[in-house]
Amino acid sequence: MRITLSYFDGCPNWQIAYERLTQALAITGREDLVIELMPVTSEEEAVALRFAGSPTIYIDGVDPFAQETLRPGLSCRLYRTPEGVGGAPSVDQLVASLNGTN
């Protein structure tokens, strides 16, 4: 399994996503997996990568939280979580995504 966390430096939420993703990997027994960090540095790159905002998490190249309405660009991304709208998915949402049950 390949895990990629895409972000841009202007958004602090990618660090929260990284921490939660690390926790989710530990919960699922996959703490041996490396989280590949992929900075996105320009609007052109964001469009080419279909980067839906920071942070965007890919599991085997797929964004499990993709939404048709999200437009690519250098912006902070918001997620609907059980606790309300947040800057990163919850640990439980990430566990479900890693297990393929979301």
Protein backbone atom coordinates (compact mmCIF):
# COMPACT_ATOMS: atom_id res chain seq x y z
CA MET A 1 0.00 0.00 0.00
CA ARG A 2 1.29 3.44 -0.94
CA ILE A 3 0.31 6.46 1.17
CA THR A 4 0.92 9.98 -0.14
CA LEU A 5 0.15 13.21 1.68
CA SER A 6 0.06 16.21 -0.65
CA TYR A 7 0.18 19.71 0.78
CA PHE A 8 1.37 23.25 0.27
CA ASP A 9 3.46 25.14 2.78
CA GLY A 10 0.87 27.87 3.35
CA CYS A 11 -1.59 25.48 4.99
CA PRO A 12 -0.95 24.22 8.54
CA ASN A 13 -3.55 21.42 8.34
CA TRP A 14 -1.22 18.99 6.58
CA GLN A 15 0.71 18.51 9.82
CA ILE A 16 -2.49 17.53 11.66
CA ALA A 17 -3.33 15.14 8.81
CA TYR A 18 0.16 13.62 9.05
CA GLU A 19 -0.24 13.02 12.81
CA ARG A 20 -3.69 11.48 12.38
CA LEU A 21 -2.54 9.35 9.47
CA THR A 22 0.37 8.08 11.58
CA GLN A 23 -2.11 7.16 14.33
CA ALA A 24 -4.43 5.44 11.85
CA LEU A 25 -1.54 3.39 10.44
CA ALA A 26 -0.63 2.27 13.96
CA ILE A 27 -4.23 1.32 14.73
CA THR A 28 -4.46 -0.77 11.57
CA GLY A 29 -1.10 -2.45 12.22
CA ARG A 30 0.53 -0.76 9.24
CA GLU A 31 2.99 1.47 11.06
CA ASP A 32 5.74 0.04 8.84
CA LEU A 33 4.34 1.99 5.87
CA VAL A 34 6.06 5.22 4.95
CA ILE A 35 3.95 8.32 4.38
CA GLU A 36 5.31 9.98 1.26
CA LEU A 37 5.13 13.76 1.56
CA MET A 38 4.48 15.55 -1.73
CA PRO A 39 4.60 19.36 -1.67
CA VAL A 40 2.61 21.18 -4.33
CA THR A 41 4.26 24.48 -5.16
CA SER A 42 2.26 26.16 -7.92
CA GLU A 43 -1.28 26.56 -9.25
CA GLU A 44 -0.17 24.87 -12.48
CA GLU A 45 1.12 21.86 -10.55
CA ALA A 46 -2.09 21.76 -8.49
CA VAL A 47 -4.21 21.63 -11.65
CA ALA A 48 -1.97 19.02 -13.31
CA LEU A 49 -2.14 16.78 -10.20
CA ARG A 50 -5.86 17.45 -9.61
CA PHE A 51 -4.79 18.57 -6.14
CA ALA A 52 -8.04 19.32 -4.29
CA GLY A 53 -6.39 21.37 -1.55
CA SER A 54 -4.11 20.88 1.40
CA PRO A 55 -3.98 18.30 2.78
CA THR A 56 -4.93 15.67 0.23
CA ILE A 57 -4.28 12.04 1.10
CA TYR A 58 -3.88 9.37 -1.55
CA ILE A 59 -4.06 5.66 -0.81
CA ASP A 60 -2.61 3.74 -3.72
CA GLY A 61 -3.10 6.84 -5.87
CA VAL A 62 -6.77 7.32 -4.95
CA ASP A 63 -8.19 10.19 -2.88
CA PRO A 64 -10.71 8.39 -0.61
CA PHE A 65 -12.31 11.73 0.28
CA ALA A 66 -12.69 13.01 -3.29
CA GLN A 67 -15.69 15.15 -4.10
CA GLU A 68 -16.82 16.22 -7.56
CA THR A 69 -17.30 19.80 -6.39
CA LEU A 70 -13.68 20.35 -5.29
CA ARG A 71 -11.60 22.39 -7.71
CA PRO A 72 -7.82 21.97 -7.93
CA GLY A 73 -5.71 24.74 -6.46
CA LEU A 74 -3.46 25.96 -3.68
CA SER A 75 -5.98 26.27 -0.88
CA CYS A 76 -6.63 24.65 2.46
CA ARG A 77 -9.07 21.77 2.15
CA LEU A 78 -11.94 21.15 4.54
CA TYR A 79 -13.30 17.74 5.55
CA ARG A 80 -16.62 16.73 7.05
CA THR A 81 -15.86 14.76 10.19
CA PRO A 82 -18.05 13.37 12.98
CA GLU A 83 -16.87 16.32 15.10
CA GLY A 84 -17.85 18.86 12.40
CA VAL A 85 -15.91 20.52 9.60
CA GLY A 86 -12.15 20.27 10.06
CA GLY A 87 -8.88 20.74 8.28
CA ALA A 88 -8.12 17.01 8.18
CA PRO A 89 -10.03 13.72 8.30
CA SER A 90 -10.51 12.17 11.73
CA VAL A 91 -8.41 9.21 12.81
CA ASP A 92 -11.50 6.97 12.52
CA GLN A 93 -12.16 8.17 8.95
CA LEU A 94 -8.54 7.44 8.03
CA VAL A 95 -8.72 3.97 9.62
CA ALA A 96 -11.85 3.26 7.55
CA SER A 97 -10.09 4.48 4.40
CA LEU A 98 -7.03 2.34 5.09
CA ASN A 99 -9.28 -0.67 5.64
CA GLY A 100 -11.29 0.10 2.51
CA THR A 101 -14.52 0.51 4.47
CA ASN A 102 -15.31 4.20 3.99
